[in-house]
N, C-alpha and C. Protein backbone atom coordinates (compact mmCIF):
# COMPACT_ATOMS: atom_id res chain seq x y z
N MET A 1 5.19 7.07 4.52
CA MET A 1 5.34 8.28 3.83
C MET A 1 4.02 9.19 4.35
N LYS A 2 3.23 8.75 5.12
CA LYS A 2 2.20 9.51 5.66
C LYS A 2 2.84 10.31 6.94
N VAL A 3 3.53 9.45 7.82
CA VAL A 3 4.17 9.81 8.99
C VAL A 3 5.27 11.07 8.36
N GLY A 4 5.85 10.78 7.35
CA GLY A 4 6.97 11.82 7.04
C GLY A 4 6.19 13.05 6.60
N ILE A 5 5.27 13.00 5.64
CA ILE A 5 4.58 14.28 5.25
C ILE A 5 3.95 15.03 6.41
N SER A 6 3.31 14.16 7.45
CA SER A 6 2.95 14.88 8.41
C SER A 6 3.78 15.45 9.44
N ASP A 7 5.28 15.12 9.43
CA ASP A 7 5.97 15.58 10.32
C ASP A 7 6.65 16.97 9.61
N LEU A 8 6.36 17.25 8.19
CA LEU A 8 6.61 18.30 7.46
C LEU A 8 5.85 19.36 8.07
N GLY A 9 4.41 18.82 8.28
CA GLY A 9 3.52 19.97 8.89
C GLY A 9 3.32 21.25 7.82
N LYS A 10 3.23 22.38 8.52
CA LYS A 10 3.33 23.80 7.94
C LYS A 10 4.42 24.01 6.93
N LYS A 11 5.49 23.39 7.29
CA LYS A 11 6.77 23.50 6.17
C LYS A 11 6.43 23.07 4.84
N PHE A 12 5.54 22.05 4.73
CA PHE A 12 5.34 21.51 3.45
C PHE A 12 4.50 22.62 2.64
N SER A 13 5.06 23.04 1.60
CA SER A 13 4.61 23.96 0.72
C SER A 13 5.18 23.88 -0.70
N LEU A 14 4.77 24.23 -1.79
CA LEU A 14 5.06 24.00 -3.18
C LEU A 14 6.46 25.21 -3.40
N SER A 15 7.26 24.94 -2.79
CA SER A 15 8.63 25.92 -3.01
C SER A 15 9.91 25.12 -3.51
N SER A 16 10.74 25.93 -3.52
CA SER A 16 12.13 25.13 -3.93
C SER A 16 12.48 24.36 -2.74
N THR A 17 12.13 24.65 -1.64
CA THR A 17 12.71 23.71 -0.40
C THR A 17 11.78 22.35 -0.39
N LEU A 18 10.79 22.27 -1.19
CA LEU A 18 10.06 21.00 -0.82
C LEU A 18 10.96 19.81 -1.37
N LEU A 19 11.68 19.88 -2.50
CA LEU A 19 12.51 18.52 -2.54
C LEU A 19 13.47 18.25 -1.60
N THR A 20 14.20 19.25 -1.07
CA THR A 20 15.14 19.32 -0.15
C THR A 20 14.37 18.70 1.11
N SER A 21 13.18 19.11 1.51
CA SER A 21 12.47 18.78 2.68
C SER A 21 12.00 17.08 2.61
N LEU A 22 11.81 16.87 1.41
CA LEU A 22 11.25 15.45 1.30
C LEU A 22 12.76 14.45 1.12
N ILE A 23 13.51 14.85 0.63
CA ILE A 23 14.72 13.78 0.47
C ILE A 23 15.54 13.88 1.73
N THR A 24 15.36 14.74 2.70
CA THR A 24 15.84 14.83 3.98
C THR A 24 15.01 14.06 4.97
N ASN A 25 13.94 13.89 5.03
CA ASN A 25 12.96 13.22 5.59
C ASN A 25 13.10 11.81 5.70
N THR A 26 13.54 10.83 6.87
CA THR A 26 13.63 9.56 6.78
C THR A 26 12.69 8.92 6.31
N TYR A 27 11.28 8.98 6.90
CA TYR A 27 10.35 8.44 6.72
C TYR A 27 9.80 8.41 4.98
N VAL A 28 9.85 9.74 4.51
CA VAL A 28 9.72 9.61 3.04
C VAL A 28 10.83 8.98 2.34
N VAL A 29 11.79 8.84 2.55
CA VAL A 29 12.89 8.20 1.74
C VAL A 29 12.65 6.74 2.04
N PHE A 30 12.42 6.34 3.42
CA PHE A 30 12.14 4.97 3.70
C PHE A 30 10.98 4.34 2.67
N GLY A 31 9.87 5.27 2.91
CA GLY A 31 8.62 4.82 2.13
C GLY A 31 8.78 4.75 0.44
N ALA A 32 9.64 5.37 -0.10
CA ALA A 32 10.17 5.56 -1.53
C ALA A 32 11.03 4.24 -1.70
N VAL A 33 11.71 3.99 -0.95
CA VAL A 33 12.64 2.78 -0.95
C VAL A 33 11.67 1.46 -0.99
N LEU A 34 10.85 1.55 -0.19
CA LEU A 34 9.93 0.28 -0.04
C LEU A 34 8.82 0.34 -1.23
N TYR A 35 8.46 1.59 -1.58
CA TYR A 35 7.77 1.49 -2.95
C TYR A 35 8.53 0.90 -4.09
N GLY A 36 9.83 1.20 -4.30
CA GLY A 36 10.61 0.78 -5.13
C GLY A 36 10.81 -0.85 -5.09
N ILE A 37 10.99 -1.28 -3.92
CA ILE A 37 11.26 -2.70 -3.72
C ILE A 37 9.96 -3.33 -4.11
N SER A 38 8.74 -2.97 -3.91
CA SER A 38 7.42 -3.51 -4.18
C SER A 38 7.26 -3.48 -5.62
N PHE A 39 7.67 -2.45 -6.42
CA PHE A 39 7.73 -2.51 -8.06
C PHE A 39 8.48 -3.37 -8.59
N ILE A 40 9.75 -3.86 -7.80
CA ILE A 40 10.70 -4.91 -8.43
C ILE A 40 9.82 -6.30 -8.37
N LEU A 41 9.34 -6.26 -7.06
CA LEU A 41 8.76 -7.57 -6.77
C LEU A 41 7.39 -7.80 -7.61
N TRP A 42 6.65 -7.07 -7.88
CA TRP A 42 5.64 -6.86 -8.58
C TRP A 42 6.04 -7.38 -10.23
N LEU A 43 7.05 -7.00 -10.72
CA LEU A 43 7.67 -7.57 -11.89
C LEU A 43 8.15 -8.77 -11.81
N TYR A 44 8.74 -9.32 -10.92
CA TYR A 44 9.03 -10.67 -10.59
C TYR A 44 7.76 -11.53 -10.51
N VAL A 45 6.83 -11.26 -9.91
CA VAL A 45 5.54 -12.20 -9.78
C VAL A 45 4.98 -12.01 -11.28
N LEU A 46 4.88 -10.82 -11.89
CA LEU A 46 4.22 -10.97 -13.12
C LEU A 46 5.06 -11.96 -14.15
N SER A 47 6.41 -12.07 -13.88
CA SER A 47 7.08 -13.02 -14.71
C SER A 47 6.83 -14.63 -14.29
N LYS A 48 6.19 -14.83 -13.36
CA LYS A 48 5.94 -16.13 -12.76
C LYS A 48 4.51 -16.79 -12.97
N VAL A 49 3.60 -15.71 -13.04
CA VAL A 49 1.99 -16.28 -12.89
C VAL A 49 1.30 -15.31 -14.09
N LYS A 50 -0.03 -15.73 -14.37
CA LYS A 50 -0.68 -14.95 -15.20
C LYS A 50 -1.15 -13.58 -14.43
N VAL A 51 -1.23 -12.67 -15.30
CA VAL A 51 -1.49 -11.36 -14.88
C VAL A 51 -3.03 -11.56 -14.22
N SER A 52 -3.88 -12.22 -15.07
CA SER A 52 -5.27 -12.38 -14.34
C SER A 52 -5.26 -13.09 -13.00
N TYR A 53 -4.36 -13.92 -12.74
CA TYR A 53 -4.37 -14.46 -11.47
C TYR A 53 -3.58 -13.38 -10.42
N ALA A 54 -2.59 -12.81 -10.73
CA ALA A 54 -1.65 -12.01 -9.78
C ALA A 54 -2.54 -10.51 -9.50
N TYR A 55 -3.16 -9.96 -10.65
CA TYR A 55 -3.83 -8.70 -10.29
C TYR A 55 -4.57 -8.58 -9.30
N PRO A 56 -5.67 -9.66 -8.99
CA PRO A 56 -6.51 -9.33 -7.69
C PRO A 56 -5.94 -9.22 -6.66
N PHE A 57 -4.68 -9.68 -6.36
CA PHE A 57 -3.97 -9.88 -5.05
C PHE A 57 -3.25 -8.25 -4.85
N ILE A 58 -3.52 -7.36 -5.63
CA ILE A 58 -2.91 -5.92 -5.50
C ILE A 58 -4.08 -5.38 -4.55
N SER A 59 -4.97 -5.85 -4.49
CA SER A 59 -6.58 -5.32 -3.68
C SER A 59 -6.17 -5.60 -2.20
N LEU A 60 -5.41 -6.53 -1.89
CA LEU A 60 -4.81 -6.94 -0.69
C LEU A 60 -4.20 -5.54 0.00
N SER A 61 -3.40 -5.03 -1.01
CA SER A 61 -2.64 -3.72 -0.43
C SER A 61 -3.77 -2.58 0.22
N TYR A 62 -4.81 -2.56 -0.33
CA TYR A 62 -5.62 -1.40 -0.13
C TYR A 62 -6.11 -1.97 1.49
N ALA A 63 -6.59 -3.17 1.51
CA ALA A 63 -6.88 -3.69 2.88
C ALA A 63 -6.14 -3.60 4.00
N LEU A 64 -4.65 -3.90 3.35
CA LEU A 64 -3.42 -3.79 4.52
C LEU A 64 -3.05 -2.57 4.96
N VAL A 65 -3.42 -1.63 3.91
CA VAL A 65 -3.10 -0.19 4.20
C VAL A 65 -4.37 0.41 5.32
N ALA A 66 -5.32 0.01 4.91
CA ALA A 66 -6.24 0.47 5.97
C ALA A 66 -6.21 -0.05 7.24
N VAL A 67 -5.87 -1.34 7.48
CA VAL A 67 -5.82 -2.07 8.82
C VAL A 67 -4.41 -1.22 9.39
N LEU A 68 -3.35 -1.17 8.68
CA LEU A 68 -2.15 -0.56 9.41
C LEU A 68 -2.56 0.96 9.65
N GLY A 69 -3.26 1.56 8.83
CA GLY A 69 -3.69 3.12 9.16
C GLY A 69 -4.32 2.74 10.45
N PHE A 70 -5.10 1.95 10.75
CA PHE A 70 -6.06 1.81 11.91
C PHE A 70 -5.15 1.46 13.22
N PHE A 71 -4.30 0.80 13.14
CA PHE A 71 -3.43 0.19 14.30
C PHE A 71 -2.23 1.17 14.49
N LEU A 72 -1.57 1.71 13.34
CA LEU A 72 -0.45 2.45 13.48
C LEU A 72 -0.56 3.94 13.32
N LEU A 73 -1.62 4.54 13.01
CA LEU A 73 -1.94 5.83 12.67
C LEU A 73 -2.92 6.46 13.60
N ASP A 74 -3.77 5.39 14.04
CA ASP A 74 -5.19 5.80 14.85
C ASP A 74 -6.28 6.24 13.99
N GLU A 75 -6.32 5.77 12.82
CA GLU A 75 -7.40 6.25 11.78
C GLU A 75 -8.65 5.32 12.22
N LYS A 76 -9.71 6.01 11.99
CA LYS A 76 -10.82 5.31 12.29
C LYS A 76 -11.40 4.62 10.92
N ILE A 77 -11.98 3.33 11.27
CA ILE A 77 -12.44 2.55 9.86
C ILE A 77 -14.01 2.42 10.32
N SER A 78 -14.71 2.73 9.51
CA SER A 78 -16.48 2.53 9.71
C SER A 78 -16.60 1.10 9.60
N PHE A 79 -17.87 0.67 10.08
CA PHE A 79 -18.17 -0.78 9.87
C PHE A 79 -18.49 -1.16 8.54
N ASP A 80 -18.78 -0.20 7.67
CA ASP A 80 -19.20 -0.72 6.19
C ASP A 80 -17.57 -0.95 5.64
N ALA A 81 -16.61 -0.09 5.91
CA ALA A 81 -15.37 -0.38 5.47
C ALA A 81 -14.75 -1.48 5.95
N TRP A 82 -14.80 -2.11 7.29
CA TRP A 82 -14.49 -3.30 7.81
C TRP A 82 -15.29 -4.57 6.77
N MET A 83 -16.40 -4.24 6.70
CA MET A 83 -17.04 -5.37 5.72
C MET A 83 -16.34 -5.48 4.41
N GLY A 84 -16.09 -4.07 3.92
CA GLY A 84 -15.41 -4.20 2.69
C GLY A 84 -14.14 -4.75 2.65
N ILE A 85 -13.37 -4.47 3.59
CA ILE A 85 -12.05 -5.05 3.82
C ILE A 85 -12.40 -6.56 3.85
N CYS A 86 -13.19 -7.12 4.42
CA CYS A 86 -13.29 -8.56 4.68
C CYS A 86 -13.88 -9.21 3.35
N LEU A 87 -14.61 -8.50 2.66
CA LEU A 87 -15.07 -9.14 1.28
C LEU A 87 -13.87 -9.11 0.39
N VAL A 88 -12.96 -8.16 0.38
CA VAL A 88 -11.83 -8.12 -0.30
C VAL A 88 -10.94 -9.37 -0.11
N VAL A 89 -10.76 -9.47 1.31
CA VAL A 89 -9.77 -10.51 1.75
C VAL A 89 -10.49 -11.84 1.02
N VAL A 90 -11.75 -12.05 1.28
CA VAL A 90 -12.47 -13.39 1.06
C VAL A 90 -12.31 -13.62 -0.54
N GLY A 91 -12.41 -12.52 -1.26
CA GLY A 91 -12.45 -12.66 -2.80
C GLY A 91 -11.03 -13.17 -3.14
N VAL A 92 -10.15 -12.30 -2.49
CA VAL A 92 -8.61 -12.97 -2.81
C VAL A 92 -8.14 -14.28 -2.60
N VAL A 93 -9.00 -14.70 -1.25
CA VAL A 93 -8.55 -16.16 -1.00
C VAL A 93 -9.25 -16.99 -1.86
N LEU A 94 -10.66 -16.59 -2.48
CA LEU A 94 -11.50 -17.52 -3.44
C LEU A 94 -10.49 -17.72 -4.67
N ILE A 95 -9.96 -16.50 -5.07
CA ILE A 95 -9.07 -16.63 -6.09
C ILE A 95 -7.94 -17.52 -5.88
N GLY A 96 -7.12 -17.44 -4.82
CA GLY A 96 -6.20 -18.07 -4.59
C GLY A 96 -6.17 -19.46 -4.46
N MET A 97 -7.37 -19.90 -4.12
CA MET A 97 -7.80 -21.43 -3.98
C MET A 97 -8.04 -21.87 -5.24
N ASN A 98 -7.77 -21.32 -6.38
CA ASN A 98 -7.94 -21.67 -7.67
C ASN A 98 -6.88 -21.71 -8.54
N ILE A 99 -5.72 -21.70 -7.75
CA ILE A 99 -4.30 -21.88 -8.26
C ILE A 99 -4.19 -22.90 -9.46
N GLY A 100 -4.62 -24.05 -9.34
CA GLY A 100 -4.55 -25.20 -10.52
C GLY A 100 -5.63 -24.92 -11.45
N GLY A 101 -6.77 -23.92 -11.19
CA GLY A 101 -7.89 -23.97 -12.16
C GLY A 101 -7.44 -23.39 -13.53
N THR A 102 -8.68 -23.35 -14.04
CA THR A 102 -8.42 -22.39 -15.52
C THR A 102 -8.64 -21.05 -15.30
């Protein structure tokens, strides 16, 4: 979606053509479809596991988006942010190791 909105550039404004610009932008439409698929997958996950177990895994999306932004969009990530990403991943791994626990 970031690439799609960036492609709109200066054309992006709150006007009647905004909706037309968005629904004709391949990146935006593809991003919206992926967002919809992720919502359906989330509902499936919630039907299978306890929310207290599943919900921490959402934090992986923040780490994944930051890393993908770094590699695909050439965004800069500070050392502190890298440490935060590592802590999130370690935390989720620790939760994941407790699958059979209480």
